[in-house]
Structure formats: structure tokens, C-alpha cells
Amino acid sequence: MTTIQDIGQIVRDARKSMGLRQEALAAAAGVGVRFLVELERGKPSVRLDKMLAVLDALGLELEVKPRGGAVRPVEL
């Protein structure tokens, strides 16, 4: 299972590999620098909508799937 600490590390690594400072990524994602710092540190109470905005700004996506790989169709 991916933890918020894992996600924070992925965000930090992607940001650094793109040569972005925290201020630039925060501005691109429409979030505050403080939020980005807390996300990268793995703070467990980050807001999902803001985290998704940061991932989008980095060109990343979050995938949610059932444990064990069994795929069940979802009816909306």
C-alpha cells in the first residue's frame, strides 16, 4: 500500500527531476508553498483535492485499484 509518505517522496523526486523549486510548483498547482512542503514531508492530513492538483501539475496521476489485482466493474 502506498502511504502519504511514499506519495510525498514521489512528488519531491518528480519536482526535483524537473528542476522546479517548491515555489514554482506550488504556483503551477494553485496551492500554497506550506501545503507543498507538508505534502513532501508526508503530513497525514493533506487535502486530497490539493494533492491531486500538485500531481496534475507534475504530469502524474493517482491510480486506485482493488487489492490483489482483481478488477471489478463499477457502475455509476
PDB file of N, CA and C in Angstrom:
ATOM      1  N   MET A   1       0.844  -1.187   0.000  1.00  0.00           N
ATOM      2  CA  MET A   1       0.000   0.000   0.000  1.00  0.00           C
ATOM      3  C   MET A   1       0.883   1.241   0.000  1.00  0.00           C
ATOM      4  N   THR A   2       0.494   2.210  -0.754  1.00  0.00           N
ATOM      5  CA  THR A   2       1.236   3.459  -0.801  1.00  0.00           C
ATOM      6  C   THR A   2       0.796   4.346   0.356  1.00  0.00           C
ATOM      7  N   THR A   3       1.763   4.890   1.046  1.00  0.00           N
ATOM      8  CA  THR A   3       1.471   5.780   2.164  1.00  0.00           C
ATOM      9  C   THR A   3       1.586   7.226   1.703  1.00  0.00           C
ATOM     10  N   ILE A   4       1.112   8.145   2.517  1.00  0.00           N
ATOM     11  CA  ILE A   4       1.263   9.557   2.195  1.00  0.00           C
ATOM     12  C   ILE A   4       2.745   9.937   2.159  1.00  0.00           C
ATOM     13  N   GLN A   5       3.556   9.244   2.948  1.00  0.00           N
ATOM     14  CA  GLN A   5       4.999   9.490   2.903  1.00  0.00           C
ATOM     15  C   GLN A   5       5.567   9.068   1.551  1.00  0.00           C
ATOM     16  N   ASP A   6       5.084   7.936   1.009  1.00  0.00           N
ATOM     17  CA  ASP A   6       5.523   7.488  -0.314  1.00  0.00           C
ATOM     18  C   ASP A   6       5.134   8.504  -1.384  1.00  0.00           C
ATOM     19  N   ILE A   7       3.901   8.989  -1.302  1.00  0.00           N
ATOM     20  CA  ILE A   7       3.427   9.977  -2.281  1.00  0.00           C
ATOM     21  C   ILE A   7       4.249  11.254  -2.173  1.00  0.00           C
ATOM     22  N   GLY A   8       4.520  11.689  -0.957  1.00  0.00           N
ATOM     23  CA  GLY A   8       5.338  12.886  -0.761  1.00  0.00           C
ATOM     24  C   GLY A   8       6.717  12.741  -1.367  1.00  0.00           C
ATOM     25  N   GLN A   9       7.318  11.568  -1.218  1.00  0.00           N
ATOM     26  CA  GLN A   9       8.648  11.324  -1.792  1.00  0.00           C
ATOM     27  C   GLN A   9       8.583  11.323  -3.312  1.00  0.00           C
ATOM     28  N   ILE A  10       7.533  10.750  -3.871  1.00  0.00           N
ATOM     29  CA  ILE A  10       7.360  10.743  -5.330  1.00  0.00           C
ATOM     30  C   ILE A  10       7.227  12.166  -5.844  1.00  0.00           C
ATOM     31  N   VAL A  11       6.426  12.977  -5.152  1.00  0.00           N
ATOM     32  CA  VAL A  11       6.253  14.385  -5.539  1.00  0.00           C
ATOM     33  C   VAL A  11       7.591  15.111  -5.480  1.00  0.00           C
ATOM     34  N   ARG A  12       8.315  14.945  -4.391  1.00  0.00           N
ATOM     35  CA  ARG A  12       9.610  15.625  -4.232  1.00  0.00           C
ATOM     36  C   ARG A  12      10.581  15.201  -5.340  1.00  0.00           C
ATOM     37  N   ASP A  13      10.666  13.896  -5.589  1.00  0.00           N
ATOM     38  CA  ASP A  13      11.582  13.405  -6.621  1.00  0.00           C
ATOM     39  C   ASP A  13      11.211  13.939  -8.006  1.00  0.00           C
ATOM     40  N   ALA A  14       9.912  13.943  -8.326  1.00  0.00           N
ATOM     41  CA  ALA A  14       9.467  14.443  -9.630  1.00  0.00           C
ATOM     42  C   ALA A  14       9.759  15.931  -9.760  1.00  0.00           C
ATOM     43  N   ARG A  15       9.476  16.680  -8.692  1.00  0.00           N
ATOM     44  CA  ARG A  15       9.730  18.124  -8.722  1.00  0.00           C
ATOM     45  C   ARG A  15      11.200  18.411  -8.963  1.00  0.00           C
ATOM     46  N   LYS A  16      12.059  17.723  -8.232  1.00  0.00           N
ATOM     47  CA  LYS A  16      13.499  17.950  -8.368  1.00  0.00           C
ATOM     48  C   LYS A  16      14.006  17.517  -9.737  1.00  0.00           C
ATOM     49  N   SER A  17      13.482  16.401 -10.258  1.00  0.00           N
ATOM     50  CA  SER A  17      13.943  15.932 -11.571  1.00  0.00           C
ATOM     51  C   SER A  17      13.536  16.900 -12.678  1.00  0.00           C
ATOM     52  N   MET A  18      12.465  17.665 -12.438  1.00  0.00           N
ATOM     53  CA  MET A  18      12.023  18.674 -13.401  1.00  0.00           C
ATOM     54  C   MET A  18      12.716  20.017 -13.172  1.00  0.00           C
ATOM     55  N   GLY A  19      13.552  20.092 -12.139  1.00  0.00           N
ATOM     56  CA  GLY A  19      14.281  21.320 -11.844  1.00  0.00           C
ATOM     57  C   GLY A  19      13.398  22.432 -11.302  1.00  0.00           C
ATOM     58  N   LEU A  20      12.298  22.056 -10.648  1.00  0.00           N
ATOM     59  CA  LEU A  20      11.367  23.050 -10.107  1.00  0.00           C
ATOM     60  C   LEU A  20      11.641  23.322  -8.635  1.00  0.00           C
ATOM     61  N   ARG A  21      11.553  24.570  -8.268  1.00  0.00           N
ATOM     62  CA  ARG A  21      11.584  24.931  -6.851  1.00  0.00           C
ATOM     63  C   ARG A  21      10.188  24.747  -6.303  1.00  0.00           C
ATOM     64  N   GLN A  22      10.085  24.608  -4.989  1.00  0.00           N
ATOM     65  CA  GLN A  22       8.778  24.426  -4.368  1.00  0.00           C
ATOM     66  C   GLN A  22       7.845  25.585  -4.691  1.00  0.00           C
ATOM     67  N   GLU A  23       8.371  26.788  -4.717  1.00  0.00           N
ATOM     68  CA  GLU A  23       7.547  27.956  -5.004  1.00  0.00           C
ATOM     69  C   GLU A  23       6.937  27.877  -6.395  1.00  0.00           C
ATOM     70  N   ALA A  24       7.721  27.429  -7.375  1.00  0.00           N
ATOM     71  CA  ALA A  24       7.235  27.341  -8.758  1.00  0.00           C
ATOM     72  C   ALA A  24       6.166  26.267  -8.897  1.00  0.00           C
ATOM     73  N   LEU A  25       6.377  25.108  -8.279  1.00  0.00           N
ATOM     74  CA  LEU A  25       5.391  24.037  -8.360  1.00  0.00           C
ATOM     75  C   LEU A  25       4.110  24.440  -7.641  1.00  0.00           C
ATOM     76  N   ALA A  26       4.242  25.055  -6.482  1.00  0.00           N
ATOM     77  CA  ALA A  26       3.058  25.497  -5.745  1.00  0.00           C
ATOM     78  C   ALA A  26       2.234  26.463  -6.586  1.00  0.00           C
ATOM     79  N   ALA A  27       2.891  27.394  -7.242  1.00  0.00           N
ATOM     80  CA  ALA A  27       2.184  28.363  -8.088  1.00  0.00           C
ATOM     81  C   ALA A  27       1.511  27.653  -9.272  1.00  0.00           C
ATOM     82  N   ALA A  28       2.205  26.716  -9.892  1.00  0.00           N
ATOM     83  CA  ALA A  28       1.648  25.996 -11.040  1.00  0.00           C
ATOM     84  C   ALA A  28       0.433  25.163 -10.646  1.00  0.00           C
ATOM     85  N   ALA A  29       0.441  24.638  -9.427  1.00  0.00           N
ATOM     86  CA  ALA A  29      -0.650  23.788  -8.954  1.00  0.00           C
ATOM     87  C   ALA A  29      -1.764  24.586  -8.276  1.00  0.00           C
ATOM     88  N   GLY A  30      -1.519  25.852  -8.008  1.00  0.00           N
ATOM     89  CA  GLY A  30      -2.521  26.670  -7.335  1.00  0.00           C
ATOM     90  C   GLY A  30      -2.659  26.355  -5.855  1.00  0.00           C
ATOM     91  N   VAL A  31      -1.560  25.945  -5.250  1.00  0.00           N
ATOM     92  CA  VAL A  31      -1.554  25.645  -3.816  1.00  0.00           C
ATOM     93  C   VAL A  31      -0.494  26.502  -3.147  1.00  0.00           C
ATOM     94  N   GLY A  32      -0.533  26.576  -1.837  1.00  0.00           N
ATOM     95  CA  GLY A  32       0.476  27.325  -1.104  1.00  0.00           C
ATOM     96  C   GLY A  32       1.761  26.528  -0.934  1.00  0.00           C
ATOM     97  N   VAL A  33       2.845  27.256  -0.755  1.00  0.00           N
ATOM     98  CA  VAL A  33       4.143  26.604  -0.537  1.00  0.00           C
ATOM     99  C   VAL A  33       4.092  25.744   0.728  1.00  0.00           C
ATOM    100  N   ARG A  34       3.433  26.245   1.763  1.00  0.00           N
ATOM    101  CA  ARG A  34       3.340  25.490   3.017  1.00  0.00           C
ATOM    102  C   ARG A  34       2.669  24.129   2.779  1.00  0.00           C
ATOM    103  N   PHE A  35       1.593  24.128   1.968  1.00  0.00           N
ATOM    104  CA  PHE A  35       0.932  22.862   1.663  1.00  0.00           C
ATOM    105  C   PHE A  35       1.901  21.915   0.975  1.00  0.00           C
ATOM    106  N   LEU A  36       2.638  22.409  -0.015  1.00  0.00           N
ATOM    107  CA  LEU A  36       3.570  21.559  -0.754  1.00  0.00           C
ATOM    108  C   LEU A  36       4.656  21.003   0.158  1.00  0.00           C
ATOM    109  N   VAL A  37       5.173  21.834   1.036  1.00  0.00           N
ATOM    110  CA  VAL A  37       6.186  21.378   1.997  1.00  0.00           C
ATOM    111  C   VAL A  37       5.618  20.246   2.853  1.00  0.00           C
ATOM    112  N   GLU A  38       4.398  20.428   3.344  1.00  0.00           N
ATOM    113  CA  GLU A  38       3.770  19.394   4.181  1.00  0.00           C
ATOM    114  C   GLU A  38       3.485  18.122   3.389  1.00  0.00           C
ATOM    115  N   LEU A  39       3.073  18.259   2.136  1.00  0.00           N
ATOM    116  CA  LEU A  39       2.850  17.089   1.297  1.00  0.00           C
ATOM    117  C   LEU A  39       4.147  16.322   1.095  1.00  0.00           C
ATOM    118  N   GLU A  40       5.216  17.017   0.759  1.00  0.00           N
ATOM    119  CA  GLU A  40       6.502  16.359   0.530  1.00  0.00           C
ATOM    120  C   GLU A  40       7.034  15.703   1.801  1.00  0.00           C
ATOM    121  N   ARG A  41       6.679  16.225   2.942  1.00  0.00           N
ATOM    122  CA  ARG A  41       7.116  15.632   4.216  1.00  0.00           C
ATOM    123  C   ARG A  41       6.222  14.476   4.654  1.00  0.00           C
ATOM    124  N   GLY A  42       5.110  14.269   3.944  1.00  0.00           N
ATOM    125  CA  GLY A  42       4.234  13.150   4.273  1.00  0.00           C
ATOM    126  C   GLY A  42       3.243  13.429   5.377  1.00  0.00           C
ATOM    127  N   LYS A  43       2.857  14.687   5.541  1.00  0.00           N
ATOM    128  CA  LYS A  43       1.868  15.012   6.572  1.00  0.00           C
ATOM    129  C   LYS A  43       0.581  14.247   6.281  1.00  0.00           C
ATOM    130  N   PRO A  44       0.073  13.516   7.264  1.00  0.00           N
ATOM    131  CA  PRO A  44      -1.064  12.630   7.010  1.00  0.00           C
ATOM    132  C   PRO A  44      -2.405  13.328   6.803  1.00  0.00           C
ATOM    133  N   SER A  45      -2.500  14.616   7.029  1.00  0.00           N
ATOM    134  CA  SER A  45      -3.796  15.275   6.923  1.00  0.00           C
ATOM    135  C   SER A  45      -3.885  16.217   5.722  1.00  0.00           C
ATOM    136  N   VAL A  46      -3.147  15.927   4.653  1.00  0.00           N
ATOM    137  CA  VAL A  46      -3.211  16.797   3.477  1.00  0.00           C
ATOM    138  C   VAL A  46      -4.564  16.656   2.788  1.00  0.00           C
ATOM    139  N   ARG A  47      -4.980  17.697   2.084  1.00  0.00           N
ATOM    140  CA  ARG A  47      -6.256  17.674   1.365  1.00  0.00           C
ATOM    141  C   ARG A  47      -6.076  16.979   0.024  1.00  0.00           C
ATOM    142  N   LEU A  48      -6.957  16.049  -0.239  1.00  0.00           N
ATOM    143  CA  LEU A  48      -6.871  15.257  -1.456  1.00  0.00           C
ATOM    144  C   LEU A  48      -6.980  16.125  -2.705  1.00  0.00           C
ATOM    145  N   ASP A  49      -7.866  17.099  -2.721  1.00  0.00           N
ATOM    146  CA  ASP A  49      -8.031  17.931  -3.914  1.00  0.00           C
ATOM    147  C   ASP A  49      -6.755  18.701  -4.239  1.00  0.00           C
ATOM    148  N   LYS A  50      -6.088  19.185  -3.211  1.00  0.00           N
ATOM    149  CA  LYS A  50      -4.838  19.908  -3.431  1.00  0.00           C
ATOM    150  C   LYS A  50      -3.726  18.960  -3.868  1.00  0.00           C
ATOM    151  N   MET A  51      -3.680  17.757  -3.269  1.00  0.00           N
ATOM    152  CA  MET A  51      -2.669  16.778  -3.659  1.00  0.00           C
ATOM    153  C   MET A  51      -2.844  16.414  -5.135  1.00  0.00           C
ATOM    154  N   LEU A  52      -4.092  16.225  -5.568  1.00  0.00           N
ATOM    155  CA  LEU A  52      -4.351  15.898  -6.963  1.00  0.00           C
ATOM    156  C   LEU A  52      -3.925  17.041  -7.883  1.00  0.00           C
ATOM    157  N   ALA A  53      -4.081  18.283  -7.451  1.00  0.00           N
ATOM    158  CA  ALA A  53      -3.646  19.432  -8.250  1.00  0.00           C
ATOM    159  C   ALA A  53      -2.127  19.429  -8.415  1.00  0.00           C
ATOM    160  N   VAL A  54      -1.404  19.082  -7.360  1.00  0.00           N
ATOM    161  CA  VAL A  54       0.058  19.009  -7.429  1.00  0.00           C
ATOM    162  C   VAL A  54       0.475  17.885  -8.382  1.00  0.00           C
ATOM    163  N   LEU A  55      -0.150  16.712  -8.244  1.00  0.00           N
ATOM    164  CA  LEU A  55       0.175  15.596  -9.131  1.00  0.00           C
ATOM    165  C   LEU A  55      -0.091  15.984 -10.584  1.00  0.00           C
ATOM    166  N   ASP A  56      -1.201  16.657 -10.840  1.00  0.00           N
ATOM    167  CA  ASP A  56      -1.535  17.087 -12.197  1.00  0.00           C
ATOM    168  C   ASP A  56      -0.491  18.059 -12.736  1.00  0.00           C
ATOM    169  N   ALA A  57      -0.048  18.995 -11.915  1.00  0.00           N
ATOM    170  CA  ALA A  57       0.955  19.971 -12.341  1.00  0.00           C
ATOM    171  C   ALA A  57       2.281  19.296 -12.690  1.00  0.00           C
ATOM    172  N   LEU A  58       2.547  18.155 -12.068  1.00  0.00           N
ATOM    173  CA  LEU A  58       3.772  17.398 -12.348  1.00  0.00           C
ATOM    174  C   LEU A  58       3.589  16.398 -13.485  1.00  0.00           C
ATOM    175  N   GLY A  59       2.362  16.286 -13.999  1.00  0.00           N
ATOM    176  CA  GLY A  59       2.097  15.308 -15.049  1.00  0.00           C
ATOM    177  C   GLY A  59       1.981  13.895 -14.513  1.00  0.00           C
ATOM    178  N   LEU A  60       1.633  13.774 -13.230  1.00  0.00           N
ATOM    179  CA  LEU A  60       1.477  12.467 -12.596  1.00  0.00           C
ATOM    180  C   LEU A  60       0.000  12.194 -12.373  1.00  0.00           C
ATOM    181  N   GLU A  61      -0.346  10.939 -12.181  1.00  0.00           N
ATOM    182  CA  GLU A  61      -1.727  10.591 -11.860  1.00  0.00           C
ATOM    183  C   GLU A  61      -1.738   9.574 -10.739  1.00  0.00           C
ATOM    184  N   LEU A  62      -2.842   9.557 -10.025  1.00  0.00           N
ATOM    185  CA  LEU A  62      -3.028   8.633  -8.918  1.00  0.00           C
ATOM    186  C   LEU A  62      -3.937   7.512  -9.396  1.00  0.00           C
ATOM    187  N   GLU A  63      -3.506   6.279  -9.222  1.00  0.00           N
ATOM    188  CA  GLU A  63      -4.313   5.136  -9.640  1.00  0.00           C
ATOM    189  C   GLU A  63      -4.834   4.413  -8.411  1.00  0.00           C
ATOM    190  N   VAL A  64      -6.101   4.134  -8.407  1.00  0.00           N
ATOM    191  CA  VAL A  64      -6.720   3.399  -7.314  1.00  0.00           C
ATOM    192  C   VAL A  64      -7.234   2.095  -7.885  1.00  0.00           C
ATOM    193  N   LYS A  65      -6.822   0.986  -7.272  1.00  0.00           N
ATOM    194  CA  LYS A  65      -7.259  -0.317  -7.760  1.00  0.00           C
ATOM    195  C   LYS A  65      -7.469  -1.252  -6.589  1.00  0.00           C
ATOM    196  N   PRO A  66      -8.252  -2.287  -6.788  1.00  0.00           N
ATOM    197  CA  PRO A  66      -8.506  -3.230  -5.703  1.00  0.00           C
ATOM    198  C   PRO A  66      -7.237  -3.988  -5.320  1.00  0.00           C
ATOM    199  N   ARG A  67      -7.149  -4.369  -4.085  1.00  0.00           N
ATOM    200  CA  ARG A  67      -6.028  -5.200  -3.636  1.00  0.00           C
ATOM    201  C   ARG A  67      -6.088  -6.539  -4.351  1.00  0.00           C
ATOM    202  N   GLY A  68      -4.948  -7.108  -4.610  1.00  0.00           N
ATOM    203  CA  GLY A  68      -4.888  -8.426  -5.215  1.00  0.00           C
ATOM    204  C   GLY A  68      -5.076  -8.440  -6.714  1.00  0.00           C
ATOM    205  N   GLY A  69      -5.300  -7.292  -7.305  1.00  0.00           N
ATOM    206  CA  GLY A  69      -5.391  -7.203  -8.746  1.00  0.00           C
ATOM    207  C   GLY A  69      -6.715  -7.570  -9.365  1.00  0.00           C
ATOM    208  N   ALA A  70      -7.670  -8.062  -8.590  1.00  0.00           N
ATOM    209  CA  ALA A  70      -8.974  -8.406  -9.157  1.00  0.00           C
ATOM    210  C   ALA A  70      -9.701  -7.120  -9.522  1.00  0.00           C
ATOM    211  N   VAL A  71     -10.112  -7.024 -10.755  1.00  0.00           N
ATOM    212  CA  VAL A  71     -10.786  -5.824 -11.223  1.00  0.00           C
ATOM    213  C   VAL A  71     -12.282  -6.083 -11.281  1.00  0.00           C
ATOM    214  N   ARG A  72     -13.023  -5.201 -10.643  1.00  0.00           N
ATOM    215  CA  ARG A  72     -14.484  -5.298 -10.656  1.00  0.00           C
ATOM    216  C   ARG A  72     -15.049  -4.076 -11.364  1.00  0.00           C
ATOM    217  N   PRO A  73     -15.985  -4.251 -12.266  1.00  0.00           N
ATOM    218  CA  PRO A  73     -16.571  -3.081 -12.914  1.00  0.00           C
ATOM    219  C   PRO A  73     -17.344  -2.235 -11.912  1.00  0.00           C
ATOM    220  N   VAL A  74     -17.306  -0.953 -12.120  1.00  0.00           N
ATOM    221  CA  VAL A  74     -18.015  -0.019 -11.253  1.00  0.00           C
ATOM    222  C   VAL A  74     -19.159   0.585 -12.044  1.00  0.00           C
ATOM    223  N   GLU A  75     -20.331   0.515 -11.498  1.00  0.00           N
ATOM    224  CA  GLU A  75     -21.480   1.118 -12.156  1.00  0.00           C
ATOM    225  C   GLU A  75     -21.765   2.456 -11.503  1.00  0.00           C
ATOM    226  N   LEU A  76     -21.897   3.456 -12.325  1.00  0.00           N
ATOM    227  CA  LEU A  76     -22.179   4.797 -11.814  1.00  0.00           C
ATOM    228  C   LEU A  76     -23.609   5.178 -12.071  1.00  0.00           C
TER     229      LEU A  76
END
